[in-house]
Amino acid sequence: MSVRETIRGQIIGALQGATFPIGSPEALLAAFPDGANTTCRAEGIEVTAGQAGGLLVPGDFPFKSAEEVAETIVSRANL
């Protein structure tokens, strides 16, 4: 499994209990189990939800699914 697929899967898993749509960065961070400190790891790469949130822009919201959040983050991070 690639780094991209691993990180994407971890983001989706972390958001499985979230209620969508999510309309703001604050609501998105609150949806992660450990908030901004929720960490995804793959092959020596480590990224927190707080760091990943820095890749998002207001126009990304609202997010309609965990898959949409994950794809946006891994694409912006060039994984």
PDB file of N, CA and C in Angstrom:
ATOM      1  N   MET A   1       0.841  -1.169   0.000  1.00  0.00           N
ATOM      2  CA  MET A   1       0.000   0.000   0.000  1.00  0.00           C
ATOM      3  C   MET A   1       0.895   1.243   0.000  1.00  0.00           C
ATOM      4  N   SER A   2       0.564   2.233  -0.803  1.00  0.00           N
ATOM      5  CA  SER A   2       1.371   3.449  -0.903  1.00  0.00           C
ATOM      6  C   SER A   2       1.157   4.347   0.315  1.00  0.00           C
ATOM      7  N   VAL A   3       2.059   5.309   0.485  1.00  0.00           N
ATOM      8  CA  VAL A   3       1.922   6.282   1.565  1.00  0.00           C
ATOM      9  C   VAL A   3       0.592   7.012   1.410  1.00  0.00           C
ATOM     10  N   ARG A   4       0.283   7.404   0.177  1.00  0.00           N
ATOM     11  CA  ARG A   4      -0.973   8.122  -0.089  1.00  0.00           C
ATOM     12  C   ARG A   4      -2.179   7.303   0.368  1.00  0.00           C
ATOM     13  N   GLU A   5      -2.228   6.026  -0.008  1.00  0.00           N
ATOM     14  CA  GLU A   5      -3.351   5.168   0.353  1.00  0.00           C
ATOM     15  C   GLU A   5      -3.429   4.949   1.859  1.00  0.00           C
ATOM     16  N   THR A   6      -2.267   4.806   2.503  1.00  0.00           N
ATOM     17  CA  THR A   6      -2.227   4.583   3.944  1.00  0.00           C
ATOM     18  C   THR A   6      -2.750   5.800   4.697  1.00  0.00           C
ATOM     19  N   ILE A   7      -2.230   6.981   4.368  1.00  0.00           N
ATOM     20  CA  ILE A   7      -2.666   8.210   5.033  1.00  0.00           C
ATOM     21  C   ILE A   7      -4.147   8.461   4.753  1.00  0.00           C
ATOM     22  N   ARG A   8      -4.552   8.270   3.509  1.00  0.00           N
ATOM     23  CA  ARG A   8      -5.954   8.463   3.134  1.00  0.00           C
ATOM     24  C   ARG A   8      -6.854   7.558   3.981  1.00  0.00           C
ATOM     25  N   GLY A   9      -6.475   6.297   4.099  1.00  0.00           N
ATOM     26  CA  GLY A   9      -7.245   5.341   4.886  1.00  0.00           C
ATOM     27  C   GLY A   9      -7.299   5.702   6.364  1.00  0.00           C
ATOM     28  N   GLN A  10      -6.199   6.210   6.893  1.00  0.00           N
ATOM     29  CA  GLN A  10      -6.174   6.602   8.303  1.00  0.00           C
ATOM     30  C   GLN A  10      -7.077   7.814   8.548  1.00  0.00           C
ATOM     31  N   ILE A  11      -7.097   8.761   7.627  1.00  0.00           N
ATOM     32  CA  ILE A  11      -7.979   9.927   7.766  1.00  0.00           C
ATOM     33  C   ILE A  11      -9.439   9.475   7.741  1.00  0.00           C
ATOM     34  N   ILE A  12      -9.772   8.625   6.782  1.00  0.00           N
ATOM     35  CA  ILE A  12     -11.153   8.126   6.684  1.00  0.00           C
ATOM     36  C   ILE A  12     -11.534   7.381   7.962  1.00  0.00           C
ATOM     37  N   GLY A  13     -10.640   6.546   8.458  1.00  0.00           N
ATOM     38  CA  GLY A  13     -10.911   5.809   9.687  1.00  0.00           C
ATOM     39  C   GLY A  13     -11.100   6.725  10.889  1.00  0.00           C
ATOM     40  N   ALA A  14     -10.286   7.768  10.975  1.00  0.00           N
ATOM     41  CA  ALA A  14     -10.382   8.704  12.101  1.00  0.00           C
ATOM     42  C   ALA A  14     -11.698   9.477  12.083  1.00  0.00           C
ATOM     43  N   LEU A  15     -12.262   9.663  10.887  1.00  0.00           N
ATOM     44  CA  LEU A  15     -13.493  10.437  10.752  1.00  0.00           C
ATOM     45  C   LEU A  15     -14.752   9.570  10.649  1.00  0.00           C
ATOM     46  N   GLN A  16     -14.627   8.272  10.893  1.00  0.00           N
ATOM     47  CA  GLN A  16     -15.780   7.395  10.689  1.00  0.00           C
ATOM     48  C   GLN A  16     -16.950   7.718  11.606  1.00  0.00           C
ATOM     49  N   GLY A  17     -16.716   8.323  12.758  1.00  0.00           N
ATOM     50  CA  GLY A  17     -17.818   8.665  13.647  1.00  0.00           C
ATOM     51  C   GLY A  17     -18.333  10.084  13.474  1.00  0.00           C
ATOM     52  N   ALA A  18     -17.751  10.814  12.524  1.00  0.00           N
ATOM     53  CA  ALA A  18     -18.119  12.220  12.327  1.00  0.00           C
ATOM     54  C   ALA A  18     -19.476  12.359  11.649  1.00  0.00           C
ATOM     55  N   THR A  19     -20.134  13.471  11.928  1.00  0.00           N
ATOM     56  CA  THR A  19     -21.405  13.794  11.285  1.00  0.00           C
ATOM     57  C   THR A  19     -21.143  14.779  10.155  1.00  0.00           C
ATOM     58  N   PHE A  20     -21.532  14.413   8.963  1.00  0.00           N
ATOM     59  CA  PHE A  20     -21.340  15.266   7.783  1.00  0.00           C
ATOM     60  C   PHE A  20     -22.666  15.840   7.348  1.00  0.00           C
ATOM     61  N   PRO A  21     -22.695  17.004   6.691  1.00  0.00           N
ATOM     62  CA  PRO A  21     -21.551  17.792   6.237  1.00  0.00           C
ATOM     63  C   PRO A  21     -20.857  18.524   7.384  1.00  0.00           C
ATOM     64  N   ILE A  22     -19.570  18.803   7.169  1.00  0.00           N
ATOM     65  CA  ILE A  22     -18.770  19.582   8.114  1.00  0.00           C
ATOM     66  C   ILE A  22     -18.487  20.919   7.447  1.00  0.00           C
ATOM     67  N   GLY A  23     -18.895  21.997   8.104  1.00  0.00           N
ATOM     68  CA  GLY A  23     -18.886  23.303   7.457  1.00  0.00           C
ATOM     69  C   GLY A  23     -17.775  24.256   7.807  1.00  0.00           C
ATOM     70  N   SER A  24     -16.862  23.865   8.720  1.00  0.00           N
ATOM     71  CA  SER A  24     -15.797  24.799   9.094  1.00  0.00           C
ATOM     72  C   SER A  24     -14.546  24.045   9.516  1.00  0.00           C
ATOM     73  N   PRO A  25     -13.393  24.721   9.470  1.00  0.00           N
ATOM     74  CA  PRO A  25     -12.155  24.077   9.934  1.00  0.00           C
ATOM     75  C   PRO A  25     -12.246  23.651  11.401  1.00  0.00           C
ATOM     76  N   GLU A  26     -12.884  24.479  12.223  1.00  0.00           N
ATOM     77  CA  GLU A  26     -13.015  24.148  13.641  1.00  0.00           C
ATOM     78  C   GLU A  26     -13.846  22.890  13.849  1.00  0.00           C
ATOM     79  N   ALA A  27     -14.930  22.765  13.110  1.00  0.00           N
ATOM     80  CA  ALA A  27     -15.774  21.576  13.213  1.00  0.00           C
ATOM     81  C   ALA A  27     -15.036  20.339  12.712  1.00  0.00           C
ATOM     82  N   LEU A  28     -14.226  20.503  11.683  1.00  0.00           N
ATOM     83  CA  LEU A  28     -13.454  19.373  11.163  1.00  0.00           C
ATOM     84  C   LEU A  28     -12.448  18.894  12.200  1.00  0.00           C
ATOM     85  N   LEU A  29     -11.701  19.808  12.793  1.00  0.00           N
ATOM     86  CA  LEU A  29     -10.725  19.404  13.811  1.00  0.00           C
ATOM     87  C   LEU A  29     -11.425  18.739  14.989  1.00  0.00           C
ATOM     88  N   ALA A  30     -12.572  19.253  15.369  1.00  0.00           N
ATOM     89  CA  ALA A  30     -13.322  18.666  16.487  1.00  0.00           C
ATOM     90  C   ALA A  30     -13.817  17.262  16.159  1.00  0.00           C
ATOM     91  N   ALA A  31     -13.974  16.936  14.882  1.00  0.00           N
ATOM     92  CA  ALA A  31     -14.467  15.619  14.473  1.00  0.00           C
ATOM     93  C   ALA A  31     -13.398  14.532  14.581  1.00  0.00           C
ATOM     94  N   PHE A  32     -12.120  14.920  14.630  1.00  0.00           N
ATOM     95  CA  PHE A  32     -11.049  13.929  14.780  1.00  0.00           C
ATOM     96  C   PHE A  32     -10.987  13.477  16.234  1.00  0.00           C
ATOM     97  N   PRO A  33     -10.663  12.201  16.478  1.00  0.00           N
ATOM     98  CA  PRO A  33     -10.684  11.657  17.838  1.00  0.00           C
ATOM     99  C   PRO A  33      -9.837  12.439  18.843  1.00  0.00           C
ATOM    100  N   ASP A  34      -8.664  12.878  18.450  1.00  0.00           N
ATOM    101  CA  ASP A  34      -7.786  13.646  19.336  1.00  0.00           C
ATOM    102  C   ASP A  34      -7.653  15.083  18.850  1.00  0.00           C
ATOM    103  N   GLY A  35      -8.672  15.562  18.156  1.00  0.00           N
ATOM    104  CA  GLY A  35      -8.654  16.935  17.656  1.00  0.00           C
ATOM    105  C   GLY A  35      -7.447  17.185  16.766  1.00  0.00           C
ATOM    106  N   ALA A  36      -6.840  18.347  16.922  1.00  0.00           N
ATOM    107  CA  ALA A  36      -5.699  18.735  16.084  1.00  0.00           C
ATOM    108  C   ALA A  36      -4.497  17.823  16.277  1.00  0.00           C
ATOM    109  N   ASN A  37      -4.454  17.078  17.375  1.00  0.00           N
ATOM    110  CA  ASN A  37      -3.322  16.188  17.656  1.00  0.00           C
ATOM    111  C   ASN A  37      -3.472  14.801  17.047  1.00  0.00           C
ATOM    112  N   THR A  38      -4.599  14.504  16.431  1.00  0.00           N
ATOM    113  CA  THR A  38      -4.771  13.214  15.764  1.00  0.00           C
ATOM    114  C   THR A  38      -3.667  13.076  14.727  1.00  0.00           C
ATOM    115  N   THR A  39      -2.951  11.955  14.746  1.00  0.00           N
ATOM    116  CA  THR A  39      -1.768  11.790  13.903  1.00  0.00           C
ATOM    117  C   THR A  39      -1.907  10.590  12.972  1.00  0.00           C
ATOM    118  N   CYS A  40      -1.552  10.806  11.717  1.00  0.00           N
ATOM    119  CA  CYS A  40      -1.483   9.732  10.722  1.00  0.00           C
ATOM    120  C   CYS A  40      -0.008   9.501  10.409  1.00  0.00           C
ATOM    121  N   ARG A  41       0.353   8.210  10.240  1.00  0.00           N
ATOM    122  CA  ARG A  41       1.754   7.854  10.000  1.00  0.00           C
ATOM    123  C   ARG A  41       1.854   6.824   8.880  1.00  0.00           C
ATOM    124  N   ALA A  42       2.901   7.006   8.052  1.00  0.00           N
ATOM    125  CA  ALA A  42       3.188   6.017   7.000  1.00  0.00           C
ATOM    126  C   ALA A  42       4.615   6.204   6.518  1.00  0.00           C
ATOM    127  N   GLU A  43       5.377   5.138   6.551  1.00  0.00           N
ATOM    128  CA  GLU A  43       6.740   5.111   6.001  1.00  0.00           C
ATOM    129  C   GLU A  43       7.566   6.337   6.369  1.00  0.00           C
ATOM    130  N   GLY A  44       7.607   6.647   7.656  1.00  0.00           N
ATOM    131  CA  GLY A  44       8.428   7.750   8.130  1.00  0.00           C
ATOM    132  C   GLY A  44       7.796   9.127   7.996  1.00  0.00           C
ATOM    133  N   ILE A  45       6.609   9.196   7.434  1.00  0.00           N
ATOM    134  CA  ILE A  45       5.883  10.461   7.307  1.00  0.00           C
ATOM    135  C   ILE A  45       4.858  10.513   8.424  1.00  0.00           C
ATOM    136  N   GLU A  46       4.803  11.648   9.092  1.00  0.00           N
ATOM    137  CA  GLU A  46       3.852  11.830  10.168  1.00  0.00           C
ATOM    138  C   GLU A  46       3.180  13.185   9.988  1.00  0.00           C
ATOM    139  N   VAL A  47       1.866  13.213  10.037  1.00  0.00           N
ATOM    140  CA  VAL A  47       1.123  14.459   9.880  1.00  0.00           C
ATOM    141  C   VAL A  47      -0.036  14.485  10.871  1.00  0.00           C
ATOM    142  N   THR A  48      -0.190  15.622  11.536  1.00  0.00           N
ATOM    143  CA  THR A  48      -1.303  15.769  12.472  1.00  0.00           C
ATOM    144  C   THR A  48      -2.483  16.399  11.746  1.00  0.00           C
ATOM    145  N   ALA A  49      -3.649  16.254  12.344  1.00  0.00           N
ATOM    146  CA  ALA A  49      -4.844  16.875  11.769  1.00  0.00           C
ATOM    147  C   ALA A  49      -4.675  18.388  11.719  1.00  0.00           C
ATOM    148  N   GLY A  50      -4.016  18.939  12.719  1.00  0.00           N
ATOM    149  CA  GLY A  50      -3.767  20.379  12.729  1.00  0.00           C
ATOM    150  C   GLY A  50      -2.907  20.820  11.553  1.00  0.00           C
ATOM    151  N   GLN A  51      -1.854  20.063  11.266  1.00  0.00           N
ATOM    152  CA  GLN A  51      -1.001  20.376  10.115  1.00  0.00           C
ATOM    153  C   GLN A  51      -1.774  20.214   8.815  1.00  0.00           C
ATOM    154  N   ALA A  52      -2.530  19.136   8.713  1.00  0.00           N
ATOM    155  CA  ALA A  52      -3.302  18.885   7.494  1.00  0.00           C
ATOM    156  C   ALA A  52      -4.341  19.980   7.285  1.00  0.00           C
ATOM    157  N   GLY A  53      -4.910  20.475   8.369  1.00  0.00           N
ATOM    158  CA  GLY A  53      -5.890  21.551   8.268  1.00  0.00           C
ATOM    159  C   GLY A  53      -5.323  22.798   7.621  1.00  0.00           C
ATOM    160  N   GLY A  54      -4.010  22.988   7.740  1.00  0.00           N
ATOM    161  CA  GLY A  54      -3.353  24.132   7.113  1.00  0.00           C
ATOM    162  C   GLY A  54      -3.346  24.050   5.595  1.00  0.00           C
ATOM    163  N   LEU A  55      -3.656  22.885   5.053  1.00  0.00           N
ATOM    164  CA  LEU A  55      -3.697  22.705   3.604  1.00  0.00           C
ATOM    165  C   LEU A  55      -5.065  23.066   3.018  1.00  0.00           C
ATOM    166  N   LEU A  56      -6.037  23.274   3.886  1.00  0.00           N
ATOM    167  CA  LEU A  56      -7.402  23.530   3.438  1.00  0.00           C
ATOM    168  C   LEU A  56      -7.674  25.027   3.325  1.00  0.00           C
ATOM    169  N   VAL A  57      -8.603  25.372   2.458  1.00  0.00           N
ATOM    170  CA  VAL A  57      -9.010  26.765   2.267  1.00  0.00           C
ATOM    171  C   VAL A  57     -10.522  26.859   2.500  1.00  0.00           C
ATOM    172  N   PRO A  58     -11.027  28.056   2.809  1.00  0.00           N
ATOM    173  CA  PRO A  58     -12.457  28.192   3.086  1.00  0.00           C
ATOM    174  C   PRO A  58     -13.359  27.619   1.993  1.00  0.00           C
ATOM    175  N   GLY A  59     -12.940  27.690   0.743  1.00  0.00           N
ATOM    176  CA  GLY A  59     -13.747  27.174  -0.353  1.00  0.00           C
ATOM    177  C   GLY A  59     -13.898  25.663  -0.368  1.00  0.00           C
ATOM    178  N   ASP A  60     -13.093  24.959   0.443  1.00  0.00           N
ATOM    179  CA  ASP A  60     -13.196  23.497   0.525  1.00  0.00           C
ATOM    180  C   ASP A  60     -14.437  23.054   1.296  1.00  0.00           C
ATOM    181  N   PHE A  61     -14.958  23.935   2.107  1.00  0.00           N
ATOM    182  CA  PHE A  61     -16.084  23.599   2.974  1.00  0.00           C
ATOM    183  C   PHE A  61     -17.404  23.957   2.312  1.00  0.00           C
ATOM    184  N   PRO A  62     -18.458  23.213   2.583  1.00  0.00           N
ATOM    185  CA  PRO A  62     -18.543  22.086   3.511  1.00  0.00           C
ATOM    186  C   PRO A  62     -18.049  20.789   2.867  1.00  0.00           C
ATOM    187  N   PHE A  63     -17.495  19.926   3.717  1.00  0.00           N
ATOM    188  CA  PHE A  63     -17.130  18.584   3.282  1.00  0.00           C
ATOM    189  C   PHE A  63     -18.333  17.682   3.482  1.00  0.00           C
ATOM    190  N   LYS A  64     -18.584  16.829   2.503  1.00  0.00           N
ATOM    191  CA  LYS A  64     -19.752  15.953   2.550  1.00  0.00           C
ATOM    192  C   LYS A  64     -19.439  14.542   3.045  1.00  0.00           C
ATOM    193  N   SER A  65     -18.138  14.175   3.100  1.00  0.00           N
ATOM    194  CA  SER A  65     -17.774  12.819   3.529  1.00  0.00           C
ATOM    195  C   SER A  65     -16.322  12.770   3.987  1.00  0.00           C
ATOM    196  N   ALA A  66     -16.006  11.719   4.740  1.00  0.00           N
ATOM    197  CA  ALA A  66     -14.628  11.496   5.173  1.00  0.00           C
ATOM    198  C   ALA A  66     -13.732  11.269   3.965  1.00  0.00           C
ATOM    199  N   GLU A  67     -14.259  10.600   2.952  1.00  0.00           N
ATOM    200  CA  GLU A  67     -13.481  10.347   1.739  1.00  0.00           C
ATOM    201  C   GLU A  67     -13.095  11.657   1.051  1.00  0.00           C
ATOM    202  N   GLU A  68     -14.009  12.608   1.040  1.00  0.00           N
ATOM    203  CA  GLU A  68     -13.733  13.904   0.420  1.00  0.00           C
ATOM    204  C   GLU A  68     -12.647  14.654   1.200  1.00  0.00           C
ATOM    205  N   VAL A  69     -12.716  14.612   2.527  1.00  0.00           N
ATOM    206  CA  VAL A  69     -11.685  15.241   3.367  1.00  0.00           C
ATOM    207  C   VAL A  69     -10.336  14.604   3.071  1.00  0.00           C
ATOM    208  N   ALA A  70     -10.295  13.276   3.102  1.00  0.00           N
ATOM    209  CA  ALA A  70      -9.037  12.549   2.911  1.00  0.00           C
ATOM    210  C   ALA A  70      -8.437  12.825   1.541  1.00  0.00           C
ATOM    211  N   GLU A  71      -9.244  12.792   0.508  1.00  0.00           N
ATOM    212  CA  GLU A  71      -8.727  13.016  -0.846  1.00  0.00           C
ATOM    213  C   GLU A  71      -8.192  14.429  -0.998  1.00  0.00           C
ATOM    214  N   THR A  72      -8.874  15.398  -0.426  1.00  0.00           N
ATOM    215  CA  THR A  72      -8.413  16.787  -0.509  1.00  0.00           C
ATOM    216  C   THR A  72      -7.067  16.942   0.191  1.00  0.00           C
ATOM    217  N   ILE A  73      -6.936  16.371   1.372  1.00  0.00           N
ATOM    218  CA  ILE A  73      -5.690  16.498   2.130  1.00  0.00           C
ATOM    219  C   ILE A  73      -4.529  15.811   1.428  1.00  0.00           C
ATOM    220  N   VAL A  74      -4.695  14.559   1.004  1.00  0.00           N
ATOM    221  CA  VAL A  74      -3.567  13.859   0.368  1.00  0.00           C
ATOM    222  C   VAL A  74      -3.197  14.489  -0.970  1.00  0.00           C
ATOM    223  N   SER A  75      -4.175  15.044  -1.667  1.00  0.00           N
ATOM    224  CA  SER A  75      -3.863  15.714  -2.931  1.00  0.00           C
ATOM    225  C   SER A  75      -3.065  16.989  -2.693  1.00  0.00           C
ATOM    226  N   ARG A  76      -3.491  17.784  -1.725  1.00  0.00           N
ATOM    227  CA  ARG A  76      -2.795  19.044  -1.431  1.00  0.00           C
ATOM    228  C   ARG A  76      -1.403  18.792  -0.863  1.00  0.00           C
ATOM    229  N   ALA A  77      -1.232  17.687  -0.150  1.00  0.00           N
ATOM    230  CA  ALA A  77       0.063  17.347   0.426  1.00  0.00           C
ATOM    231  C   ALA A  77       0.990  16.690  -0.582  1.00  0.00           C
ATOM    232  N   ASN A  78       0.482  16.478  -1.798  1.00  0.00           N
ATOM    233  CA  ASN A  78       1.252  15.826  -2.871  1.00  0.00           C
ATOM    234  C   ASN A  78       1.746  14.447  -2.477  1.00  0.00           C
ATOM    235  N   LEU A  79       0.891  13.713  -1.783  1.00  0.00           N
ATOM    236  CA  LEU A  79       1.264  12.339  -1.405  1.00  0.00           C
ATOM    237  C   LEU A  79       0.897  11.378  -2.524  1.00  0.00           C
TER     238      LEU A  79
END
